[in-house]
Amino acid sequence: MSDNNFWVNAFTDLSAADQIKAAATMRAARISGLAKYKTETAVRMLVTALEEIYVVDQQSENIIRILLGRGEAHARARYSTEGAVLTRLYNPPPKDASASVPLNPPCLLSGFAGSGKSSIVSALSRSLPPQMCDLGGGKHKLSHRPVRVLRVGTNATLRSILKELVPDEHRSVSGRLTLERLKEQLPQWLDAEGTCLILVDEMQFLTGSEKANVQITQAIMAIAELGVPWGIACNYSLLNRLAKRSSEDQARVLGQRFFLHPEAPTSGDWVAFLNECNNAMLEILAFRLADFKQELWAMCAGLRRYHVQLAALAYRNTRLMDRTKMSFEDFKAAYNSNDYWTQRDDVGYILANAAGNSLAKRPSGRKADDLECTLPGARIFTDEYEMSAKQQLINSGARAAERATLTCNERALLEKAARKKMANTKSVTSNANPPDKTTGKPRLKRDAASLRYASTQL
């Protein structure tokens, strides 16, 4: 095989750990000047910046390496020489209708919502961008797309899913093809583009349909028959649904499984993520996130998406109180706010399960399918995470027990101390907070829920 085999080199160039991290990591972009924008615009800008952050941790690196290995193996087998590729392009062999289709089950990348599944898909797509290549000494120019990403939207059909894989130059033709003809043509088109890995994201949207089981099976079988190594980023509800299929179907739809574990508060990866967020929000933070790594972890269960949502709520409340910098007290108040109610339920359920609490309360009025994995022997938490969850529940129980012994007067004193503490925080981080026009006193826009939470932390 030639050393300049770009089909293979696209994958081997990312074989080392430092190469994977350099290609996939998205560092924080410093957010500046938010104060000049209206509150909701500034919050949206903050969320966008934080969502773009991606720090390749150890488990993500291992998964990316395995998927890259599958793509490389396909490239070596399918694109050994330029001559063989050109022959297939211009003189494709006739399809043998009697040939059996080999099993091609997907790699299943599963985890909690916000654990980083879609981030891995985006990282692989970003690391292997499309490019043009020359064959036959420059006589043949081909589009090389080593990785294709399918994002399944709402109301998706099998046809609409497969059409996402059609090369741009064949879009007009594909619109006139029947579904069966499209399924026959796609392998040739993907082969011409050098596609060696297909990644499917957001397939959980299909689970909301009345014909979900049929649609999911049809989609998986159709993509598998394309003959390209592939993977699905799926939540636990989809994985649980697939696990209920017959043993014969499971052999086709359940391939190698990877579970993305949420980070423990003591892990270096959790601290690295907080530091990146800190760098992005340096202008609007009055404290260092890593100094409260345990407390912030307990508010989001180590799920990065929840941390971003928590930061957005904290910043919105900060702006509504005419301040430009967030304190840790703002994160506490955001955690206990009504706007974080659903996430707070999920966090409590996840931590209770990790701690081994069989009486964990399911999220109010909702199914917990996305928060549980029913596959036998599935390890969805690390030992380190489970230990941290147990300690967190012990600490929470101790605070609750201590508060239960207080008299009404003692609780009133705690509420008063909480008000004073939050007022002091406001005075330290405030930028020319204007007084109330009626009373002349500083405005303290604190809701009762925030005050109740603050008092429990004293």
Protein backbone atom coordinates (compact mmCIF):
# COMPACT_ATOMS: atom_id res chain seq x y z
CA MET A 1 0.00 0.00 0.00
CA SER A 2 1.28 3.43 -0.90
CA ASP A 3 2.39 5.77 1.87
CA ASN A 4 0.26 8.53 0.33
CA ASN A 5 -2.98 6.57 0.63
CA PHE A 6 -5.11 9.45 1.85
CA TRP A 7 -8.11 7.18 2.63
CA VAL A 8 -6.04 5.37 5.25
CA ASN A 9 -3.93 8.32 6.31
CA ALA A 10 -7.02 10.31 7.28
CA PHE A 11 -7.40 7.88 10.18
CA THR A 12 -3.76 7.00 10.97
CA ASP A 13 -2.88 10.69 11.29
CA LEU A 14 -5.11 10.74 14.39
CA SER A 15 -3.78 7.59 16.03
CA ALA A 16 -1.86 9.21 18.91
CA ALA A 17 -3.57 10.57 22.01
CA ASP A 18 -2.17 14.07 21.57
CA GLN A 19 -3.32 14.12 17.93
CA ILE A 20 -6.86 13.12 18.92
CA LYS A 21 -7.02 15.76 21.64
CA ALA A 22 -5.57 18.47 19.42
CA ALA A 23 -8.06 17.76 16.63
CA ALA A 24 -11.18 17.23 18.76
CA THR A 25 -10.79 19.65 21.69
CA MET A 26 -12.65 22.95 21.54
CA ARG A 27 -11.12 25.48 23.92
CA ALA A 28 -13.11 28.22 25.60
CA ALA A 29 -13.59 31.45 23.72
CA ARG A 30 -13.42 34.38 26.14
CA ILE A 31 -16.83 36.02 26.49
CA SER A 32 -16.63 39.80 26.68
CA GLY A 33 -18.95 42.75 26.56
CA LEU A 34 -22.12 40.92 27.65
CA ALA A 35 -23.17 43.85 29.81
CA LYS A 36 -23.99 45.96 26.76
CA TYR A 37 -26.56 43.48 25.50
CA LYS A 38 -30.09 42.93 26.72
CA THR A 39 -30.40 40.20 29.33
CA GLU A 40 -31.86 37.41 27.18
CA THR A 41 -29.47 38.14 24.32
CA ALA A 42 -26.52 38.01 26.71
CA VAL A 43 -27.75 34.73 28.24
CA ARG A 44 -28.09 33.19 24.79
CA MET A 45 -24.56 34.29 23.90
CA LEU A 46 -23.28 32.78 27.14
CA VAL A 47 -24.99 29.43 26.47
CA THR A 48 -23.67 29.30 22.91
CA ALA A 49 -20.12 29.92 24.07
CA LEU A 50 -20.27 27.33 26.86
CA GLU A 51 -21.89 24.69 24.65
CA GLU A 52 -19.01 24.92 22.21
CA ILE A 53 -16.49 23.92 24.86
CA TYR A 54 -15.33 20.33 24.48
CA VAL A 55 -12.51 18.88 26.54
CA VAL A 56 -11.52 15.38 25.43
CA ASP A 57 -11.47 13.31 28.62
CA GLN A 58 -10.05 9.81 28.97
CA GLN A 59 -13.25 7.90 28.27
CA SER A 60 -14.04 10.04 25.21
CA GLU A 61 -10.53 9.54 23.89
CA ASN A 62 -10.86 5.76 24.20
CA ILE A 63 -14.19 5.74 22.33
CA ILE A 64 -12.88 8.05 19.59
CA ARG A 65 -9.82 5.82 19.18
CA ILE A 66 -11.97 2.69 18.76
CA LEU A 67 -14.24 4.35 16.18
CA LEU A 68 -11.22 5.67 14.29
CA GLY A 69 -9.80 2.14 14.30
CA ARG A 70 -12.96 0.80 12.68
CA GLY A 71 -12.82 3.46 10.02
CA GLU A 72 -9.16 2.74 9.33
CA ALA A 73 -9.80 -1.00 9.02
CA HIS A 74 -12.53 -0.31 6.44
CA ALA A 75 -10.24 2.07 4.53
CA ARG A 76 -7.44 -0.50 4.38
CA ALA A 77 -9.79 -3.19 3.13
CA ARG A 78 -11.73 -1.06 0.67
CA TYR A 79 -9.14 1.40 -0.65
CA SER A 80 -5.95 -0.60 -0.96
CA THR A 81 -4.90 0.88 -4.34
CA GLU A 82 -5.95 3.76 -6.56
CA GLY A 83 -6.42 1.39 -9.47
CA ALA A 84 -8.96 -0.72 -7.60
CA VAL A 85 -10.87 2.38 -6.57
CA LEU A 86 -10.98 3.82 -10.10
CA THR A 87 -12.15 0.49 -11.47
CA ARG A 88 -15.06 0.40 -9.02
CA LEU A 89 -15.97 3.99 -9.83
CA TYR A 90 -16.07 3.69 -13.59
CA ASN A 91 -16.83 -0.02 -13.99
CA PRO A 92 -18.78 -1.00 -10.89
CA PRO A 93 -19.33 -4.75 -10.62
CA PRO A 94 -22.91 -5.95 -11.03
CA LYS A 95 -24.76 -6.43 -7.78
CA ASP A 96 -25.32 -10.04 -6.80
CA ALA A 97 -28.92 -10.16 -5.63
CA SER A 98 -28.40 -13.63 -4.17
CA ALA A 99 -25.48 -12.58 -1.98
CA SER A 100 -26.23 -12.47 1.71
CA VAL A 101 -25.79 -9.15 3.50
CA PRO A 102 -23.18 -9.51 6.26
CA LEU A 103 -24.09 -8.39 9.76
CA ASN A 104 -23.03 -4.83 10.42
CA PRO A 105 -24.39 -3.96 13.88
CA PRO A 106 -23.68 -0.42 15.08
CA CYS A 107 -21.46 0.65 17.93
CA LEU A 108 -23.81 2.05 20.55
CA LEU A 109 -22.65 5.13 22.39
CA SER A 110 -25.03 5.65 25.28
CA GLY A 111 -25.30 7.75 28.41
CA PHE A 112 -27.36 10.34 30.24
CA ALA A 113 -28.57 13.41 28.39
CA GLY A 114 -25.74 15.91 28.49
CA SER A 115 -23.01 13.33 29.11
CA GLY A 116 -21.18 14.15 25.86
CA LYS A 117 -22.51 11.68 23.26
CA SER A 118 -23.25 14.30 20.63
CA SER A 119 -19.98 16.03 21.46
CA ILE A 120 -18.05 12.90 20.47
CA VAL A 121 -19.97 12.73 17.18
CA SER A 122 -19.18 16.38 16.48
CA ALA A 123 -15.55 15.89 17.51
CA LEU A 124 -15.09 13.05 15.01
CA SER A 125 -16.76 15.04 12.25
CA ARG A 126 -14.57 18.03 13.07
CA SER A 127 -11.41 15.92 13.18
CA LEU A 128 -12.03 14.34 9.76
CA PRO A 129 -13.35 17.17 7.56
CA PRO A 130 -14.22 16.65 3.88
CA GLN A 131 -11.56 17.50 1.33
CA MET A 132 -10.77 17.12 -2.35
CA CYS A 133 -8.29 14.51 -3.54
CA ASP A 134 -6.56 13.72 -6.84
CA LEU A 135 -6.36 10.29 -8.42
CA GLY A 136 -4.42 9.14 -11.45
CA GLY A 137 -1.87 11.92 -11.30
CA GLY A 138 -4.47 14.65 -11.05
CA LYS A 139 -6.73 13.35 -13.82
CA HIS A 140 -9.54 12.49 -11.43
CA LYS A 141 -10.71 14.83 -8.67
CA LEU A 142 -12.88 13.28 -6.00
CA SER A 143 -14.63 14.55 -2.91
CA HIS A 144 -13.29 12.68 0.13
CA ARG A 145 -15.69 12.52 3.10
CA PRO A 146 -14.29 9.94 5.53
CA VAL A 147 -17.02 10.52 8.14
CA ARG A 148 -20.71 11.18 7.58
CA VAL A 149 -23.01 12.35 10.36
CA LEU A 150 -26.77 11.76 10.37
CA ARG A 151 -28.81 13.86 12.76
CA VAL A 152 -32.32 12.46 12.97
CA GLY A 153 -34.87 15.22 13.46
CA THR A 154 -38.47 15.15 14.55
CA ASN A 155 -40.96 13.59 12.13
CA ALA A 156 -38.09 11.83 10.34
CA THR A 157 -38.84 9.02 7.91
CA LEU A 158 -36.52 6.32 6.60
CA ARG A 159 -36.33 8.11 3.28
CA SER A 160 -35.47 11.49 4.85
CA ILE A 161 -32.79 9.84 7.00
CA LEU A 162 -31.10 8.12 4.06
CA LYS A 163 -31.30 11.23 1.87
CA GLU A 164 -28.96 12.97 4.31
CA LEU A 165 -26.21 10.65 3.04
CA VAL A 166 -26.68 11.55 -0.61
CA PRO A 167 -23.71 13.54 -2.03
CA ASP A 168 -24.52 17.08 -3.08
CA GLU A 169 -24.03 16.39 -6.78
CA HIS A 170 -26.67 13.65 -6.67
CA ARG A 171 -29.34 15.49 -4.66
CA SER A 172 -31.52 16.29 -7.64
CA VAL A 173 -31.36 12.69 -8.87
CA SER A 174 -32.12 11.18 -5.48
CA GLY A 175 -35.40 13.05 -5.27
CA ARG A 176 -36.74 10.98 -8.15
CA LEU A 177 -35.60 7.61 -6.81
CA THR A 178 -37.86 5.21 -4.98
CA LEU A 179 -36.83 4.20 -1.47
CA GLU A 180 -35.61 0.81 -2.65
CA ARG A 181 -33.62 2.34 -5.51
CA LEU A 182 -32.11 4.86 -3.11
CA LYS A 183 -30.99 2.05 -0.80
CA GLU A 184 -29.35 0.32 -3.77
CA GLN A 185 -27.57 3.44 -5.00
CA LEU A 186 -26.24 4.80 -1.71
CA PRO A 187 -23.43 2.22 -1.20
CA GLN A 188 -21.89 3.20 -4.54
CA TRP A 189 -22.12 6.91 -3.79
CA LEU A 190 -20.60 6.49 -0.32
CA ASP A 191 -17.85 4.31 -1.77
CA ALA A 192 -17.00 7.00 -4.31
CA GLU A 193 -16.64 9.58 -1.53
CA GLY A 194 -14.39 7.34 0.56
CA THR A 195 -16.82 7.22 3.49
CA CYS A 196 -15.46 4.82 6.09
CA LEU A 197 -17.56 5.75 9.13
CA ILE A 198 -21.19 6.78 9.61
CA LEU A 199 -22.39 8.29 12.89
CA VAL A 200 -26.07 8.69 13.74
CA ASP A 201 -27.23 11.17 16.37
CA GLU A 202 -30.59 12.16 17.88
CA MET A 203 -32.28 8.87 16.88
CA GLN A 204 -34.29 9.06 20.11
CA PHE A 205 -36.70 11.33 18.21
CA LEU A 206 -38.04 8.19 16.56
CA THR A 207 -39.09 6.76 19.94
CA GLY A 208 -41.92 9.26 20.21
CA SER A 209 -43.75 7.81 17.24
CA GLU A 210 -46.61 5.35 17.51
CA LYS A 211 -44.68 3.08 15.15
CA ALA A 212 -41.37 3.66 16.91
CA ASN A 213 -40.24 0.03 17.08
CA VAL A 214 -40.82 -0.51 13.37
CA GLN A 215 -39.18 2.78 12.36
CA ILE A 216 -36.12 2.24 14.53
CA THR A 217 -35.59 -1.30 13.26
CA GLN A 218 -36.05 -0.23 9.63
CA ALA A 219 -33.59 2.64 10.02
CA ILE A 220 -30.95 0.47 11.72
CA MET A 221 -31.26 -2.31 9.16
CA ALA A 222 -31.12 0.11 6.20
CA ILE A 223 -27.98 1.87 7.47
CA ALA A 224 -26.33 -1.45 8.35
CA GLU A 225 -26.88 -2.70 4.77
CA LEU A 226 -24.80 0.19 3.43
CA GLY A 227 -21.76 -1.83 4.45
CA VAL A 228 -19.91 1.00 6.19
CA PRO A 229 -18.85 0.78 9.89
CA TRP A 230 -21.19 2.94 11.90
CA GLY A 231 -22.32 4.00 15.34
CA ILE A 232 -25.34 5.47 17.10
CA ALA A 233 -25.29 8.07 19.87
CA CYS A 234 -28.38 7.09 21.83
CA ASN A 235 -29.93 7.82 25.19
CA TYR A 236 -30.92 5.06 27.62
CA SER A 237 -34.56 5.03 26.53
CA LEU A 238 -33.57 3.95 23.01
CA LEU A 239 -31.04 1.43 24.31
CA ASN A 240 -33.62 -0.07 26.66
CA ARG A 241 -36.07 -0.35 23.78
CA LEU A 242 -33.52 -2.16 21.59
CA ALA A 243 -32.67 -4.55 24.44
CA LYS A 244 -36.28 -5.77 24.46
CA ARG A 245 -36.02 -7.08 20.92
CA SER A 246 -35.71 -10.81 20.20
CA SER A 247 -32.26 -12.40 20.45
CA GLU A 248 -32.10 -12.59 16.65
CA ASP A 249 -32.88 -8.88 16.28
CA GLN A 250 -30.42 -7.99 19.04
CA ALA A 251 -27.61 -9.59 17.05
CA ARG A 252 -28.39 -7.12 14.27
CA VAL A 253 -29.11 -3.95 16.24
CA LEU A 254 -26.90 -4.24 19.33
CA GLY A 255 -23.22 -4.05 18.56
CA GLN A 256 -20.38 -3.03 20.85
CA ARG A 257 -21.68 -0.83 23.66
CA PHE A 258 -19.96 2.14 25.26
CA PHE A 259 -21.34 3.93 28.30
CA LEU A 260 -20.37 7.54 28.84
CA HIS A 261 -20.02 7.92 32.60
CA PRO A 262 -20.70 11.29 34.21
CA GLU A 263 -17.60 12.77 35.80
CA ALA A 264 -16.87 12.44 39.50
CA PRO A 265 -16.12 15.69 41.37
CA THR A 266 -12.63 14.48 42.22
CA SER A 267 -11.64 13.66 38.63
CA GLY A 268 -9.15 15.78 36.75
CA ASP A 269 -11.49 15.85 33.74
CA TRP A 270 -14.25 17.54 35.76
CA VAL A 271 -11.80 20.19 36.99
CA ALA A 272 -10.48 20.67 33.44
CA PHE A 273 -14.02 21.30 32.19
CA LEU A 274 -14.70 23.80 35.00
CA ASN A 275 -11.46 25.60 34.20
CA GLU A 276 -12.44 25.96 30.54
CA CYS A 277 -15.83 27.36 31.60
CA ASN A 278 -14.03 29.67 34.01
CA ASN A 279 -11.81 30.98 31.21
CA ALA A 280 -14.85 31.66 29.07
CA MET A 281 -16.75 33.48 31.85
CA LEU A 282 -13.81 35.29 33.44
CA GLU A 283 -15.41 38.69 32.85
CA ILE A 284 -18.69 37.74 34.55
CA LEU A 285 -17.47 35.58 37.46
CA ALA A 286 -16.68 36.81 40.96
CA PHE A 287 -15.24 33.46 42.06
CA ARG A 288 -13.27 30.53 40.67
CA LEU A 289 -15.41 27.56 39.61
CA ALA A 290 -12.84 24.91 40.51
CA ASP A 291 -12.81 26.16 44.11
CA PHE A 292 -16.39 24.86 44.37
CA LYS A 293 -15.98 21.73 42.25
CA GLN A 294 -17.78 19.49 44.75
CA GLU A 295 -20.73 21.83 45.25
CA LEU A 296 -21.17 22.53 41.53
CA TRP A 297 -20.96 18.81 40.77
CA ALA A 298 -23.74 18.11 43.28
CA MET A 299 -25.96 20.63 41.48
CA CYS A 300 -25.60 18.96 38.05
CA ALA A 301 -24.50 15.37 38.82
CA GLY A 302 -21.40 15.97 36.73
CA LEU A 303 -23.45 16.43 33.54
CA ARG A 304 -21.95 19.23 31.49
CA ARG A 305 -25.20 20.26 29.82
CA TYR A 306 -26.84 20.79 33.20
CA HIS A 307 -23.88 22.85 34.36
CA VAL A 308 -24.30 25.11 31.33
CA GLN A 309 -28.02 25.50 32.04
CA LEU A 310 -27.25 26.28 35.68
CA ALA A 311 -24.74 28.96 34.68
CA ALA A 312 -27.29 30.50 32.30
CA LEU A 313 -29.93 30.73 35.04
CA ALA A 314 -27.41 32.16 37.50
CA TYR A 315 -26.35 34.81 35.00
CA ARG A 316 -29.93 35.75 34.13
CA ASN A 317 -30.74 36.29 37.82
CA THR A 318 -27.52 38.27 38.22
CA ARG A 319 -28.49 40.63 35.43
CA LEU A 320 -32.02 41.01 36.79
CA MET A 321 -30.45 42.23 40.02
CA ASP A 322 -28.45 44.86 38.12
CA ARG A 323 -25.13 43.11 38.61
CA THR A 324 -22.60 42.02 36.03
CA LYS A 325 -20.66 39.35 37.96
CA MET A 326 -21.94 36.07 39.34
CA SER A 327 -21.10 34.79 42.80
CA PHE A 328 -21.39 31.21 43.98
CA GLU A 329 -24.55 32.28 45.81
CA ASP A 330 -26.11 32.96 42.42
CA PHE A 331 -25.45 29.37 41.38
CA LYS A 332 -27.08 28.15 44.59
CA ALA A 333 -30.15 30.29 43.97
CA ALA A 334 -30.35 29.09 40.36
CA TYR A 335 -30.18 25.47 41.50
CA ASN A 336 -33.12 25.98 43.84
CA SER A 337 -35.20 28.03 41.40
CA ASN A 338 -38.36 26.87 39.67
CA ASP A 339 -36.61 27.15 36.31
CA TYR A 340 -34.22 24.36 37.33
CA TRP A 341 -36.92 22.12 38.75
CA THR A 342 -36.75 19.37 36.08
CA GLN A 343 -32.97 19.22 36.13
CA ARG A 344 -32.92 19.22 39.94
CA ASP A 345 -35.27 16.21 39.93
CA ASP A 346 -33.01 14.39 37.48
CA VAL A 347 -29.88 15.20 39.47
CA GLY A 348 -31.42 13.90 42.69
CA TYR A 349 -32.54 10.69 41.00
CA ILE A 350 -29.15 10.08 39.35
CA LEU A 351 -27.19 10.66 42.56
CA ALA A 352 -29.57 8.46 44.57
CA ASN A 353 -29.20 5.63 42.05
CA ALA A 354 -25.43 6.00 42.00
CA ALA A 355 -25.42 5.82 45.80
CA GLY A 356 -27.35 2.54 45.64
CA ASN A 357 -30.61 3.93 47.01
CA SER A 358 -33.24 1.48 45.76
CA LEU A 359 -35.98 3.83 47.00
CA ALA A 360 -34.83 6.69 44.77
CA LYS A 361 -37.78 8.90 43.87
CA ARG A 362 -38.53 9.04 40.16
CA PRO A 363 -38.69 12.51 38.60
CA SER A 364 -42.07 14.08 39.33
CA GLY A 365 -44.76 13.16 36.81
CA ARG A 366 -42.27 11.84 34.24
CA LYS A 367 -40.82 8.54 33.12
CA ALA A 368 -37.25 7.82 34.11
CA ASP A 369 -36.37 5.86 30.96
CA ASP A 370 -33.53 8.24 30.11
CA LEU A 371 -32.11 7.95 33.64
CA GLU A 372 -31.90 4.16 33.84
CA CYS A 373 -30.22 1.42 31.83
CA THR A 374 -31.94 -1.95 32.04
CA LEU A 375 -29.26 -3.96 30.21
CA PRO A 376 -27.95 -6.71 32.49
CA GLY A 377 -24.50 -5.95 33.84
CA ALA A 378 -24.37 -2.40 32.47
CA ARG A 379 -22.04 -0.14 34.48
CA ILE A 380 -23.28 3.42 34.04
CA PHE A 381 -21.26 4.87 36.94
CA THR A 382 -17.62 4.58 37.90
CA ASP A 383 -16.62 3.47 41.40
CA GLU A 384 -15.30 6.97 42.06
CA TYR A 385 -18.63 8.49 41.06
CA GLU A 386 -20.63 6.10 43.24
CA MET A 387 -18.46 6.91 46.28
CA SER A 388 -18.94 10.64 45.68
CA ALA A 389 -22.70 10.19 45.34
CA LYS A 390 -22.89 8.27 48.62
CA GLN A 391 -20.92 10.96 50.42
CA GLN A 392 -23.14 13.66 48.93
CA LEU A 393 -26.29 11.93 50.18
CA ILE A 394 -24.75 11.52 53.63
CA ASN A 395 -23.89 15.22 53.76
CA SER A 396 -27.36 16.24 52.54
CA GLY A 397 -29.02 13.98 55.08
CA ALA A 398 -26.94 15.42 57.89
CA ARG A 399 -27.90 18.99 56.95
CA ALA A 400 -31.57 18.05 56.70
CA ALA A 401 -31.50 16.26 60.06
CA GLU A 402 -29.77 19.18 61.73
CA ARG A 403 -32.30 21.64 60.32
CA ALA A 404 -35.23 19.48 61.45
CA THR A 405 -34.16 19.93 65.07
CA LEU A 406 -34.32 23.73 64.90
CA THR A 407 -37.08 25.72 66.55
CA CYS A 408 -39.15 28.26 64.64
CA ASN A 409 -37.10 31.11 66.09
CA GLU A 410 -33.83 29.43 65.09
CA ARG A 411 -35.09 28.92 61.55
CA ALA A 412 -36.15 32.58 61.40
CA LEU A 413 -32.63 33.58 62.46
CA LEU A 414 -31.20 31.41 59.68
CA GLU A 415 -33.47 33.10 57.14
CA LYS A 416 -32.31 36.48 58.41
CA ALA A 417 -28.66 35.43 58.18
CA ALA A 418 -29.26 34.21 54.64
CA ARG A 419 -30.69 37.58 53.65
CA LYS A 420 -27.69 39.34 55.11
CA LYS A 421 -25.26 36.97 53.39
CA MET A 422 -26.90 37.46 50.01
CA ALA A 423 -27.07 41.22 50.49
CA ASN A 424 -23.34 41.27 51.29
CA THR A 425 -22.65 39.29 48.14
CA LYS A 426 -24.64 41.85 46.16
CA SER A 427 -22.69 44.76 47.58
CA VAL A 428 -19.35 43.16 46.73
CA THR A 429 -20.17 42.30 43.11
CA SER A 430 -22.60 45.12 42.30
CA ASN A 431 -21.81 47.74 39.71
CA ALA A 432 -23.61 50.95 40.69
CA ASN A 433 -26.79 49.25 41.82
CA PRO A 434 -29.47 51.97 41.69
CA PRO A 435 -31.80 52.34 44.72
CA ASP A 436 -35.52 51.74 44.58
CA LYS A 437 -37.23 54.97 43.48
CA THR A 438 -39.94 54.68 46.15
CA THR A 439 -38.02 53.62 49.27
CA GLY A 440 -34.55 54.80 48.37
CA LYS A 441 -33.17 51.45 49.59
CA PRO A 442 -31.03 49.10 47.46
CA ARG A 443 -33.12 46.72 45.40
CA LEU A 444 -32.77 43.06 46.41
CA LYS A 445 -34.66 40.97 43.86
CA ARG A 446 -34.44 37.66 45.71
CA ASP A 447 -37.26 35.15 45.62
CA ALA A 448 -38.29 33.05 48.61
CA ALA A 449 -36.91 29.84 47.11
CA SER A 450 -33.45 31.37 46.82
CA LEU A 451 -33.54 32.54 50.43
CA ARG A 452 -34.69 29.15 51.69
CA TYR A 453 -31.84 27.44 49.89
CA ALA A 454 -29.24 29.89 51.13
CA SER A 455 -30.38 29.39 54.72
CA THR A 456 -29.80 25.63 54.48
CA GLN A 457 -26.16 26.23 53.56
CA LEU A 458 -25.35 28.32 56.65
